[in-house]
Each structure stands twice: as structure tokens, then as C-alpha cells.
């Protein structure tokens, strides 16, 4: 019977030190932080196309002037949204900021009406155009939130490693 000898050589895998890991996480955090700032700036300047053109603009203006329900500090939101809606029509297309769309969705959501005719007008000229673009605004906000979460996770790892290093563990 033949005998076999198995020789196992130690792998030359290099374990990364806590300091190296810390440096890597700090570098990643700096990159994510910069990307987050860029995304937030881009989103703050972004204008969203609202369906319905001039008809929707007129319906939104009328709604804000006559029907928007507000309490105390919410009055400022109605005023600012009205200013932006008035100025939002460019080349027969209505463009609004994410903040304005969020405010409009808030006020539209609070609105109550009566009758089928008004319900159809409300749905076609206010609710649907704003609700459709509001989904896009929320998607952009979720992208920012995901990046903030990622940055928070990296900062947690950095904090943990700094503690480990300072305690000599």
C-alpha cells in the first residue's frame, strides 16, 4: 500500500489591521459624503415636469387661492407654493420644485369636496398631475435617504474602530 504525504503550506493571506480598515472606511465615508452633498444640491435645484400644462397651472392657482386648507405656520407654504406655481409655466410646460410639489400634495391631500362633477375636475386637474410627479420626488428623496443611511453605517464603523484602536484591543 502506498502512503501519501499531504503538505499544507501556510497561506500568505494578509489580515488588514484596524488602522488600515479605519483608513479605508474614512476614505469611503468622504466619498459618500461628497456624493450626498452633490445629490442634495442637484435635488434642491431640480424642477419636475407636471402633466396638464396651463390647465393644471390654472387649477393649482385657483386651488391655492380659494381652497387650500391651512393652519398657522402652514400659511407660508400656501404663499410660497402659489408664487412658484404662478412662475412655473415655461414654454407651455409646468415645472415645479420638489419642495413645492410636496407642499401641493400635502394641501391637496387635506382637501374635501362634494359632488361628482367637482370630484372629476379635482382628480383630473389637481390630484393626478401632482400625485404622479410626487412619486418621482419621493423616489429622489429615498435616494438621498439611502445615501444618508450608508454614510451613517460607515460613520458607525469608523467610531467603533476608533474605540478599538484607542483601547488597544
Foldseek 3Di string as FASTA:
>chain_A
DDDDDDDDDDDPDDDDDLVRVLVVLVVVLVVLVVVLVVLVVCQQPAWDWFPDFPLLLVVLLCCLVPPFDDDDPLVVLSVVLNVQSVVQHDPRIGIDHLSSLVSLQVRLVPTDDDDDVVVVCCVVRRVVRSVVVNVVSVVSVVVSVVSVVVSVVSVVSSVVSVVCVVVVD
